[in-house]
Amino acid sequence: MRLFTRDYGKLTMRAISAKKATAKLAGHIEPFLYTDLFIANSKTIDIIAGSNTITAHARLRQSLLHNTLASFFVEVVDRFTEEREPDPELFDFVHDFLSWLNDTDQPNALSAYAAILQLFGLLGYHIELFMCHQCHQPIRAALENESSRFSFKMWNVECASCRTEDEAATLSDEAIKVLRYMLSERYHGAARLQLSRVEWEEVDQFVRALLRYHANTDLKSETVLLSILASLASN
């Protein structure tokens, strides 16, 4: 199983017999728990010898929407972090988001997307939405029938005059403003945004395309997320 720790970063461990109903670890190593772990060193993969739950984050397992958003977020964390590279600031950010998500009554995908975009900044990938990476001029309102583009390779917006052949997303002025807000405000601020259907679809497609480009594959939890969002939209 995969763990994310403050002092050692991401770790892969074994939990022997944890699935048995009578096992001491049963209920103490479930997804999204915040816990103290006791680790036994092994010549191959270290073993979880004990666990003391600090915060259960039960809603992240009991509510389908909460679980889907948490699963999507932690899969991104897993895909973009390396084993045994401790980063206390990153750990605190992940813990704070999962705690907030567990406590909020009305989570939405925008809050998870904002957390993911901010996560990239902590990982050293700066998303630039103000200045073109080619001419280094500020991105101003697009001309009529023109839009700015975001180069996935450069993590940078480019103006209509400096378009490259890199794989990119076309972004309207409205989408750029929303994304700037999502990067500057905490994720709970993004949760309160009221977007038009067009704005939501543009932001949604941008975030998922950015993830797909840099992860080099689809995320396993993405299919479930899209299904849940489609269901909510039809109600």
C-alpha atoms as a PDB file:
ATOM      1  CA  MET A   1       0.000   0.000   0.000  1.00  0.00           C
ATOM      2  CA  ARG A   2       1.042   3.602  -0.566  1.00  0.00           C
ATOM      3  CA  LEU A   3       1.578   6.064   2.276  1.00  0.00           C
ATOM      4  CA  PHE A   4       2.282   9.777   2.274  1.00  0.00           C
ATOM      5  CA  THR A   5       4.293  10.892   5.308  1.00  0.00           C
ATOM      6  CA  ARG A   6       5.625  14.154   6.666  1.00  0.00           C
ATOM      7  CA  ASP A   7       9.139  12.947   7.519  1.00  0.00           C
ATOM      8  CA  TYR A   8       9.847  10.420   4.751  1.00  0.00           C
ATOM      9  CA  GLY A   9       7.685  11.444   1.814  1.00  0.00           C
ATOM     10  CA  LYS A  10       5.835   8.814  -0.197  1.00  0.00           C
ATOM     11  CA  LEU A  11       6.403   5.228   0.912  1.00  0.00           C
ATOM     12  CA  THR A  12       5.323   1.809  -0.299  1.00  0.00           C
ATOM     13  CA  MET A  13       4.613  -0.636   2.542  1.00  0.00           C
ATOM     14  CA  ARG A  14       3.069  -4.015   3.256  1.00  0.00           C
ATOM     15  CA  ALA A  15       0.289  -4.544   5.786  1.00  0.00           C
ATOM     16  CA  ILE A  16       0.275  -8.273   6.501  1.00  0.00           C
ATOM     17  CA  SER A  17      -3.171  -9.803   7.117  1.00  0.00           C
ATOM     18  CA  ALA A  18      -4.743  -6.336   7.412  1.00  0.00           C
ATOM     19  CA  LYS A  19      -7.821  -7.470   5.445  1.00  0.00           C
ATOM     20  CA  LYS A  20      -8.777 -10.034   8.068  1.00  0.00           C
ATOM     21  CA  ALA A  21     -11.657  -8.898  10.288  1.00  0.00           C
ATOM     22  CA  THR A  22      -9.728  -9.880  13.416  1.00  0.00           C
ATOM     23  CA  ALA A  23      -6.498  -8.158  12.412  1.00  0.00           C
ATOM     24  CA  LYS A  24      -5.251  -5.443  14.751  1.00  0.00           C
ATOM     25  CA  LEU A  25      -4.676  -3.136  11.775  1.00  0.00           C
ATOM     26  CA  ALA A  26      -8.208  -3.551  10.420  1.00  0.00           C
ATOM     27  CA  GLY A  27      -9.835  -0.118  10.327  1.00  0.00           C
ATOM     28  CA  HIS A  28      -6.569   1.697  11.051  1.00  0.00           C
ATOM     29  CA  ILE A  29      -5.030   1.771   7.561  1.00  0.00           C
ATOM     30  CA  GLU A  30      -8.032   2.682   5.447  1.00  0.00           C
ATOM     31  CA  PRO A  31      -7.778   5.370   2.734  1.00  0.00           C
ATOM     32  CA  PHE A  32      -7.456   9.019   3.793  1.00  0.00           C
ATOM     33  CA  LEU A  33      -6.680   8.328   7.460  1.00  0.00           C
ATOM     34  CA  TYR A  34      -4.323  10.648   9.320  1.00  0.00           C
ATOM     35  CA  THR A  35      -2.426   8.290  11.555  1.00  0.00           C
ATOM     36  CA  ASP A  36       0.729   7.458  13.493  1.00  0.00           C
ATOM     37  CA  LEU A  37       2.361   4.378  12.010  1.00  0.00           C
ATOM     38  CA  PHE A  38       4.811   1.870  13.429  1.00  0.00           C
ATOM     39  CA  ILE A  39       7.073   0.473  10.720  1.00  0.00           C
ATOM     40  CA  ALA A  40       9.126  -2.739  10.839  1.00  0.00           C
ATOM     41  CA  ASN A  41      12.128  -2.718   8.517  1.00  0.00           C
ATOM     42  CA  SER A  42      12.450  -5.550   6.027  1.00  0.00           C
ATOM     43  CA  LYS A  43      15.030  -6.609   3.449  1.00  0.00           C
ATOM     44  CA  THR A  44      12.456  -6.038   0.718  1.00  0.00           C
ATOM     45  CA  ILE A  45       9.373  -3.904   1.470  1.00  0.00           C
ATOM     46  CA  ASP A  46       8.966  -2.517   4.981  1.00  0.00           C
ATOM     47  CA  ILE A  47       5.957  -3.695   6.985  1.00  0.00           C
ATOM     48  CA  ILE A  48       3.302  -1.718   8.856  1.00  0.00           C
ATOM     49  CA  ALA A  49       3.453  -3.170  12.355  1.00  0.00           C
ATOM     50  CA  GLY A  50       0.959  -0.850  14.045  1.00  0.00           C
ATOM     51  CA  SER A  51      -1.234   2.188  13.525  1.00  0.00           C
ATOM     52  CA  ASN A  52      -2.804   4.755  15.821  1.00  0.00           C
ATOM     53  CA  THR A  53      -5.530   6.766  14.094  1.00  0.00           C
ATOM     54  CA  ILE A  54      -5.414  10.508  14.760  1.00  0.00           C
ATOM     55  CA  THR A  55      -8.175  11.702  12.403  1.00  0.00           C
ATOM     56  CA  ALA A  56     -10.459   9.250  10.638  1.00  0.00           C
ATOM     57  CA  HIS A  57     -11.775  11.522   7.827  1.00  0.00           C
ATOM     58  CA  ALA A  58     -14.749   9.162   7.696  1.00  0.00           C
ATOM     59  CA  ARG A  59     -16.803  11.244   5.246  1.00  0.00           C
ATOM     60  CA  LEU A  60     -14.120  10.782   2.586  1.00  0.00           C
ATOM     61  CA  ARG A  61     -15.030   7.086   2.574  1.00  0.00           C
ATOM     62  CA  GLN A  62     -18.761   7.300   3.269  1.00  0.00           C
ATOM     63  CA  SER A  63     -19.872  10.004   0.818  1.00  0.00           C
ATOM     64  CA  LEU A  64     -19.569   9.126  -2.871  1.00  0.00           C
ATOM     65  CA  LEU A  65     -18.806  12.709  -3.972  1.00  0.00           C
ATOM     66  CA  HIS A  66     -16.322  13.326  -1.153  1.00  0.00           C
ATOM     67  CA  ASN A  67     -14.637   9.993  -1.874  1.00  0.00           C
ATOM     68  CA  THR A  68     -14.420  10.664  -5.615  1.00  0.00           C
ATOM     69  CA  LEU A  69     -12.845  14.101  -5.192  1.00  0.00           C
ATOM     70  CA  ALA A  70     -10.415  12.832  -2.547  1.00  0.00           C
ATOM     71  CA  SER A  71      -9.439   9.850  -4.703  1.00  0.00           C
ATOM     72  CA  PHE A  72      -8.816  12.080  -7.722  1.00  0.00           C
ATOM     73  CA  PHE A  73      -6.693  14.474  -5.668  1.00  0.00           C
ATOM     74  CA  VAL A  74      -4.536  11.821  -3.983  1.00  0.00           C
ATOM     75  CA  GLU A  75      -3.971  10.032  -7.305  1.00  0.00           C
ATOM     76  CA  VAL A  76      -2.506  13.291  -8.632  1.00  0.00           C
ATOM     77  CA  VAL A  77      -0.288  13.518  -5.538  1.00  0.00           C
ATOM     78  CA  ASP A  78       0.849   9.933  -6.120  1.00  0.00           C
ATOM     79  CA  ARG A  79       1.555  10.437  -9.832  1.00  0.00           C
ATOM     80  CA  PHE A  80       3.604  13.614  -9.365  1.00  0.00           C
ATOM     81  CA  THR A  81       5.705  12.760  -6.308  1.00  0.00           C
ATOM     82  CA  GLU A  82       8.702  10.464  -5.961  1.00  0.00           C
ATOM     83  CA  GLU A  83       9.381   7.852  -3.292  1.00  0.00           C
ATOM     84  CA  ARG A  84      11.213   8.921  -0.140  1.00  0.00           C
ATOM     85  CA  GLU A  85      11.450  12.630  -0.897  1.00  0.00           C
ATOM     86  CA  PRO A  86      10.166  14.344   2.282  1.00  0.00           C
ATOM     87  CA  ASP A  87       8.453  17.701   1.896  1.00  0.00           C
ATOM     88  CA  PRO A  88       6.705  18.862   5.105  1.00  0.00           C
ATOM     89  CA  GLU A  89       5.087  21.848   3.356  1.00  0.00           C
ATOM     90  CA  LEU A  90       3.598  19.560   0.714  1.00  0.00           C
ATOM     91  CA  PHE A  91       2.437  17.104   3.374  1.00  0.00           C
ATOM     92  CA  ASP A  92       0.694  19.885   5.300  1.00  0.00           C
ATOM     93  CA  PHE A  93      -1.022  21.096   2.125  1.00  0.00           C
ATOM     94  CA  VAL A  94      -2.314  17.607   1.289  1.00  0.00           C
ATOM     95  CA  HIS A  95      -3.451  17.039   4.885  1.00  0.00           C
ATOM     96  CA  ASP A  96      -5.164  20.440   5.079  1.00  0.00           C
ATOM     97  CA  PHE A  97      -7.062  19.912   1.825  1.00  0.00           C
ATOM     98  CA  LEU A  98      -8.279  16.439   2.804  1.00  0.00           C
ATOM     99  CA  SER A  99      -9.324  17.739   6.227  1.00  0.00           C
ATOM    100  CA  TRP A 100     -11.226  20.631   4.660  1.00  0.00           C
ATOM    101  CA  LEU A 101     -12.830  18.329   2.097  1.00  0.00           C
ATOM    102  CA  ASN A 102     -13.934  15.962   4.858  1.00  0.00           C
ATOM    103  CA  ASP A 103     -15.514  18.809   6.834  1.00  0.00           C
ATOM    104  CA  THR A 104     -17.278  20.688   4.039  1.00  0.00           C
ATOM    105  CA  ASP A 105     -20.928  19.931   3.325  1.00  0.00           C
ATOM    106  CA  GLN A 106     -20.874  21.044  -0.295  1.00  0.00           C
ATOM    107  CA  PRO A 107     -17.676  19.983  -2.049  1.00  0.00           C
ATOM    108  CA  ASN A 108     -17.299  20.464  -5.784  1.00  0.00           C
ATOM    109  CA  ALA A 109     -14.767  19.709  -8.485  1.00  0.00           C
ATOM    110  CA  LEU A 110     -13.563  23.326  -8.655  1.00  0.00           C
ATOM    111  CA  SER A 111     -12.163  23.077  -5.129  1.00  0.00           C
ATOM    112  CA  ALA A 112     -10.242  19.905  -6.039  1.00  0.00           C
ATOM    113  CA  TYR A 113      -9.019  21.451  -9.284  1.00  0.00           C
ATOM    114  CA  ALA A 114      -7.818  24.560  -7.422  1.00  0.00           C
ATOM    115  CA  ALA A 115      -5.985  22.375  -4.908  1.00  0.00           C
ATOM    116  CA  ILE A 116      -4.330  20.461  -7.752  1.00  0.00           C
ATOM    117  CA  LEU A 117      -3.197  23.641  -9.525  1.00  0.00           C
ATOM    118  CA  GLN A 118      -1.765  24.974  -6.256  1.00  0.00           C
ATOM    119  CA  LEU A 119      -0.161  21.590  -5.610  1.00  0.00           C
ATOM    120  CA  PHE A 120       1.838  21.948  -8.815  1.00  0.00           C
ATOM    121  CA  GLY A 121       3.318  25.184  -7.471  1.00  0.00           C
ATOM    122  CA  LEU A 122       4.534  23.369  -4.361  1.00  0.00           C
ATOM    123  CA  LEU A 123       6.070  20.698  -6.591  1.00  0.00           C
ATOM    124  CA  GLY A 124       8.034  23.343  -8.487  1.00  0.00           C
ATOM    125  CA  TYR A 125       5.843  23.621 -11.593  1.00  0.00           C
ATOM    126  CA  HIS A 126       4.921  27.286 -11.911  1.00  0.00           C
ATOM    127  CA  ILE A 127       1.739  27.899 -13.898  1.00  0.00           C
ATOM    128  CA  GLU A 128       2.084  31.292 -15.575  1.00  0.00           C
ATOM    129  CA  LEU A 129      -1.136  32.978 -16.687  1.00  0.00           C
ATOM    130  CA  PHE A 130      -0.108  36.631 -16.805  1.00  0.00           C
ATOM    131  CA  MET A 131       2.852  36.912 -19.216  1.00  0.00           C
ATOM    132  CA  CYS A 132       3.536  35.309 -22.592  1.00  0.00           C
ATOM    133  CA  HIS A 133       6.560  32.994 -22.477  1.00  0.00           C
ATOM    134  CA  GLN A 134       7.660  34.123 -25.956  1.00  0.00           C
ATOM    135  CA  CYS A 135       7.433  37.920 -26.066  1.00  0.00           C
ATOM    136  CA  HIS A 136       7.274  38.331 -22.250  1.00  0.00           C
ATOM    137  CA  GLN A 137       4.443  40.810 -22.629  1.00  0.00           C
ATOM    138  CA  PRO A 138       1.419  40.815 -20.314  1.00  0.00           C
ATOM    139  CA  ILE A 139      -1.547  38.868 -21.606  1.00  0.00           C
ATOM    140  CA  ARG A 140      -4.218  41.408 -22.431  1.00  0.00           C
ATOM    141  CA  ALA A 141      -7.786  40.939 -23.555  1.00  0.00           C
ATOM    142  CA  ALA A 142      -7.866  38.790 -26.664  1.00  0.00           C
ATOM    143  CA  LEU A 143      -8.782  40.394 -29.955  1.00  0.00           C
ATOM    144  CA  GLU A 144     -12.186  39.634 -31.424  1.00  0.00           C
ATOM    145  CA  ASN A 145     -12.490  35.965 -32.426  1.00  0.00           C
ATOM    146  CA  GLU A 146      -9.046  35.216 -30.962  1.00  0.00           C
ATOM    147  CA  SER A 147      -8.027  33.453 -27.763  1.00  0.00           C
ATOM    148  CA  SER A 148      -4.839  32.962 -25.828  1.00  0.00           C
ATOM    149  CA  ARG A 149      -3.285  29.524 -25.565  1.00  0.00           C
ATOM    150  CA  PHE A 150      -1.608  27.685 -22.731  1.00  0.00           C
ATOM    151  CA  SER A 151       1.473  25.642 -23.630  1.00  0.00           C
ATOM    152  CA  PHE A 152       1.431  22.443 -21.557  1.00  0.00           C
ATOM    153  CA  LYS A 153       5.149  21.945 -22.160  1.00  0.00           C
ATOM    154  CA  MET A 154       6.074  25.417 -20.924  1.00  0.00           C
ATOM    155  CA  TRP A 155       3.398  25.633 -18.189  1.00  0.00           C
ATOM    156  CA  ASN A 156       2.823  29.082 -19.640  1.00  0.00           C
ATOM    157  CA  VAL A 157       0.214  31.088 -21.483  1.00  0.00           C
ATOM    158  CA  GLU A 158       1.129  32.463 -24.910  1.00  0.00           C
ATOM    159  CA  CYS A 159      -0.471  35.358 -26.733  1.00  0.00           C
ATOM    160  CA  ALA A 160      -2.130  35.149 -30.134  1.00  0.00           C
ATOM    161  CA  SER A 161       0.990  36.573 -31.850  1.00  0.00           C
ATOM    162  CA  CYS A 162       3.412  34.041 -30.354  1.00  0.00           C
ATOM    163  CA  ARG A 163       1.731  30.714 -30.923  1.00  0.00           C
ATOM    164  CA  THR A 164       4.058  27.718 -31.000  1.00  0.00           C
ATOM    165  CA  GLU A 165       3.563  24.184 -32.267  1.00  0.00           C
ATOM    166  CA  ASP A 166       3.508  22.828 -28.697  1.00  0.00           C
ATOM    167  CA  GLU A 167       0.429  20.955 -27.514  1.00  0.00           C
ATOM    168  CA  ALA A 168      -1.741  23.610 -25.936  1.00  0.00           C
ATOM    169  CA  ALA A 169      -5.175  24.512 -24.642  1.00  0.00           C
ATOM    170  CA  THR A 170      -7.132  27.441 -26.009  1.00  0.00           C
ATOM    171  CA  LEU A 171      -8.277  29.716 -23.205  1.00  0.00           C
ATOM    172  CA  SER A 172     -10.815  32.522 -23.289  1.00  0.00           C
ATOM    173  CA  ASP A 173     -10.324  35.668 -21.234  1.00  0.00           C
ATOM    174  CA  GLU A 174     -13.006  34.465 -18.819  1.00  0.00           C
ATOM    175  CA  ALA A 175     -11.292  31.105 -18.278  1.00  0.00           C
ATOM    176  CA  ILE A 176      -7.940  32.776 -17.667  1.00  0.00           C
ATOM    177  CA  LYS A 177      -9.526  34.997 -15.008  1.00  0.00           C
ATOM    178  CA  VAL A 178     -11.085  31.967 -13.287  1.00  0.00           C
ATOM    179  CA  LEU A 179      -7.800  30.035 -13.359  1.00  0.00           C
ATOM    180  CA  ARG A 180      -5.903  33.027 -11.966  1.00  0.00           C
ATOM    181  CA  TYR A 181      -8.376  33.188  -9.096  1.00  0.00           C
ATOM    182  CA  MET A 182      -8.038  29.448  -8.474  1.00  0.00           C
ATOM    183  CA  LEU A 183      -4.263  29.830  -8.204  1.00  0.00           C
ATOM    184  CA  SER A 184      -4.358  32.884  -5.947  1.00  0.00           C
ATOM    185  CA  GLU A 185      -7.112  31.894  -3.505  1.00  0.00           C
ATOM    186  CA  ARG A 186      -7.353  28.875  -1.225  1.00  0.00           C
ATOM    187  CA  TYR A 187      -9.383  25.964  -2.591  1.00  0.00           C
ATOM    188  CA  HIS A 188     -12.392  26.795  -0.402  1.00  0.00           C
ATOM    189  CA  GLY A 189     -12.608  30.120  -2.233  1.00  0.00           C
ATOM    190  CA  ALA A 190     -12.806  28.303  -5.555  1.00  0.00           C
ATOM    191  CA  ALA A 191     -15.619  26.153  -4.149  1.00  0.00           C
ATOM    192  CA  ARG A 192     -17.792  29.275  -3.942  1.00  0.00           C
ATOM    193  CA  LEU A 193     -17.318  30.305  -7.581  1.00  0.00           C
ATOM    194  CA  GLN A 194     -20.439  30.420  -9.715  1.00  0.00           C
ATOM    195  CA  LEU A 195     -19.466  29.673 -13.320  1.00  0.00           C
ATOM    196  CA  SER A 196     -21.505  29.543 -16.480  1.00  0.00           C
ATOM    197  CA  ARG A 197     -21.683  26.151 -18.167  1.00  0.00           C
ATOM    198  CA  VAL A 198     -19.249  27.341 -20.859  1.00  0.00           C
ATOM    199  CA  GLU A 199     -16.737  28.592 -18.276  1.00  0.00           C
ATOM    200  CA  TRP A 200     -16.978  25.367 -16.253  1.00  0.00           C
ATOM    201  CA  GLU A 201     -16.457  23.164 -19.304  1.00  0.00           C
ATOM    202  CA  GLU A 202     -13.422  25.181 -20.377  1.00  0.00           C
ATOM    203  CA  VAL A 203     -11.781  25.050 -16.943  1.00  0.00           C
ATOM    204  CA  ASP A 204     -12.639  21.363 -16.513  1.00  0.00           C
ATOM    205  CA  GLN A 205     -11.163  20.420 -19.890  1.00  0.00           C
ATOM    206  CA  PHE A 206      -8.048  22.501 -19.241  1.00  0.00           C
ATOM    207  CA  VAL A 207      -7.233  20.907 -15.872  1.00  0.00           C
ATOM    208  CA  ARG A 208      -7.808  17.363 -17.109  1.00  0.00           C
ATOM    209  CA  ALA A 209      -5.799  17.984 -20.306  1.00  0.00           C
ATOM    210  CA  LEU A 210      -2.923  19.439 -18.261  1.00  0.00           C
ATOM    211  CA  LEU A 211      -2.902  16.369 -16.018  1.00  0.00           C
ATOM    212  CA  ARG A 212      -3.120  13.970 -18.947  1.00  0.00           C
ATOM    213  CA  TYR A 213      -0.211  15.667 -20.732  1.00  0.00           C
ATOM    214  CA  HIS A 214       2.183  15.575 -17.783  1.00  0.00           C
ATOM    215  CA  ALA A 215       1.099  12.206 -16.383  1.00  0.00           C
ATOM    216  CA  ASN A 216       1.379  10.679 -19.881  1.00  0.00           C
ATOM    217  CA  THR A 217      -1.820   8.727 -19.248  1.00  0.00           C
ATOM    218  CA  ASP A 218      -5.379   9.041 -17.982  1.00  0.00           C
ATOM    219  CA  LEU A 219      -5.898   8.973 -14.233  1.00  0.00           C
ATOM    220  CA  LYS A 220      -7.714   5.872 -13.009  1.00  0.00           C
ATOM    221  CA  SER A 221     -10.107   7.932 -10.894  1.00  0.00           C
ATOM    222  CA  GLU A 222     -10.998  10.292 -13.764  1.00  0.00           C
ATOM    223  CA  THR A 223     -13.688   8.038 -15.216  1.00  0.00           C
ATOM    224  CA  VAL A 224     -15.500   7.857 -11.881  1.00  0.00           C
ATOM    225  CA  LEU A 225     -15.164  11.618 -11.403  1.00  0.00           C
ATOM    226  CA  LEU A 226     -16.672  12.354 -14.812  1.00  0.00           C
ATOM    227  CA  SER A 227     -19.524   9.947 -14.172  1.00  0.00           C
ATOM    228  CA  ILE A 228     -20.352  11.579 -10.822  1.00  0.00           C
ATOM    229  CA  LEU A 229     -20.179  15.092 -12.285  1.00  0.00           C
ATOM    230  CA  ALA A 230     -22.419  14.107 -15.184  1.00  0.00           C
ATOM    231  CA  SER A 231     -24.928  12.635 -12.750  1.00  0.00           C
ATOM    232  CA  LEU A 232     -24.965  15.811 -10.648  1.00  0.00           C
ATOM    233  CA  ALA A 233     -25.383  17.985 -13.747  1.00  0.00           C
ATOM    234  CA  SER A 234     -28.421  16.003 -14.887  1.00  0.00           C
ATOM    235  CA  ASN A 235     -30.238  16.310 -11.533  1.00  0.00           C
END
